[in-house]
């Protein structure tokens, strides 16, 4: 029995709530947060190890100081 992860799509969502203004020398907030979505990985994975590597790759793309999140979508199939 083999488990396949088909149509794996990992999306990174980055949320920015403010920015630093050098002229005023202070942090300013946006009225509405700026949300950016980017597809980090979109392929088929043929075993759990390959799926794990895709997750590790996507995790390395995140900003450690921001409000970044990962969304994972896939279709799970098994073959005999």
Protein backbone atom coordinates (compact mmCIF):
# COMPACT_ATOMS: atom_id res chain seq x y z
CA UNK A 1 0.00 0.00 0.00
CA UNK A 2 1.32 3.41 -0.99
CA UNK A 3 -0.05 6.76 0.20
CA UNK A 4 0.26 9.67 -2.23
CA UNK A 5 -0.25 13.34 -1.53
CA UNK A 6 -1.70 14.77 -4.76
CA UNK A 7 -2.12 18.45 -5.63
CA UNK A 8 -0.14 19.70 -2.62
CA UNK A 9 -0.47 23.47 -2.41
CA UNK A 10 1.29 25.41 0.36
CA UNK A 11 0.37 29.08 0.59
CA UNK A 12 2.19 31.66 2.71
CA UNK A 13 0.05 34.48 4.12
CA UNK A 14 1.97 37.53 5.32
CA UNK A 15 0.21 40.19 7.40
CA UNK A 16 1.79 43.62 7.91
CA UNK A 17 0.18 45.88 10.51
CA UNK A 18 2.55 48.84 10.30
CA UNK A 19 5.86 50.27 9.19
CA UNK A 20 8.72 52.39 10.50
CA UNK A 21 8.87 55.99 9.23
CA UNK A 22 12.46 57.25 9.13
CA UNK A 23 11.48 60.93 8.86
CA UNK A 24 9.28 60.86 11.98
CA UNK A 25 11.47 58.17 13.59
CA UNK A 26 8.58 56.15 14.92
CA UNK A 27 6.47 53.12 14.10
CA UNK A 28 3.15 53.86 12.35
CA UNK A 29 0.19 51.49 11.99
CA UNK A 30 -1.81 50.96 8.82
CA UNK A 31 -5.55 51.65 8.94
CA UNK A 32 -6.14 48.16 7.53
CA UNK A 33 -3.52 45.40 7.73
CA UNK A 34 -1.82 44.58 4.43
CA UNK A 35 -2.26 40.90 3.60
CA UNK A 36 -0.09 39.25 0.95
CA UNK A 37 -0.61 35.65 -0.22
CA UNK A 38 2.06 33.73 -2.11
CA UNK A 39 2.14 30.11 -3.29
CA UNK A 40 5.36 28.59 -1.95
CA UNK A 41 4.96 24.99 -3.15
CA UNK A 42 2.60 23.38 -5.68
CA UNK A 43 3.39 19.79 -6.76
CA UNK A 44 2.55 16.16 -6.06
CA UNK A 45 4.31 14.29 -3.23
CA UNK A 46 4.64 10.53 -3.54
CA UNK A 47 5.49 9.65 0.07
CA UNK A 48 5.52 11.10 3.57
CA UNK A 49 9.22 11.99 3.38
CA UNK A 50 8.76 14.13 0.30
CA UNK A 51 5.74 15.81 1.92
CA UNK A 52 7.82 16.51 5.04
CA UNK A 53 10.59 18.08 2.93
CA UNK A 54 8.04 20.34 1.23
CA UNK A 55 6.76 21.44 4.65
CA UNK A 56 10.30 22.18 5.88
CA UNK A 57 11.04 24.18 2.72
CA UNK A 58 7.86 26.24 3.20
CA UNK A 59 8.62 26.82 6.88
CA UNK A 60 12.03 28.27 5.99
CA UNK A 61 10.25 30.86 3.81
CA UNK A 62 8.40 32.39 6.78
CA UNK A 63 9.39 35.62 8.48
CA UNK A 64 10.20 34.79 12.11
CA UNK A 65 9.24 38.26 13.38
CA UNK A 66 5.96 38.70 11.52
CA UNK A 67 2.47 37.32 11.56
CA UNK A 68 3.09 34.82 8.77
CA UNK A 69 1.04 31.64 8.44
CA UNK A 70 1.11 28.59 6.18
CA UNK A 71 -1.98 27.00 4.63
CA UNK A 72 -1.65 23.45 3.30
CA UNK A 73 -4.14 21.83 0.91
CA UNK A 74 -3.80 18.35 -0.57
CA UNK A 75 -5.69 15.31 -1.81
CA UNK A 76 -4.78 12.02 -0.16
CA UNK A 77 -4.90 8.84 -2.27
CA UNK A 78 -3.71 5.31 -1.64
CA UNK A 79 -2.63 2.63 -4.08
CA UNK A 80 -2.32 -1.11 -3.58
